[in-house]
């Protein structure tokens, strides 16, 4: 699926080996780090949140797709000010 959406083979292969993918852009590396933390722990730590804000220049927003019901929610994550 990832390859079908343009993710490079080297990145897909590294993820398959449970290694950090060799992303070229900081934004890609940060997005991977945030998604990995969410999938493993259900949380985003402050360091990952801060890095996201530095790289993307806006608060972290998540789009959650409810599948068949087409439920979507957008939430701010991390970084309580």
Foldseek 3Di string as FASTA:
>chain_A
DVVVVPDDPQQVVCVVVVHQGPDPALLVSLVVLQVVCCVVPVADDQVSQVSNCVRVVDFDWDWDAPPPVRDTDIDGHDDDD
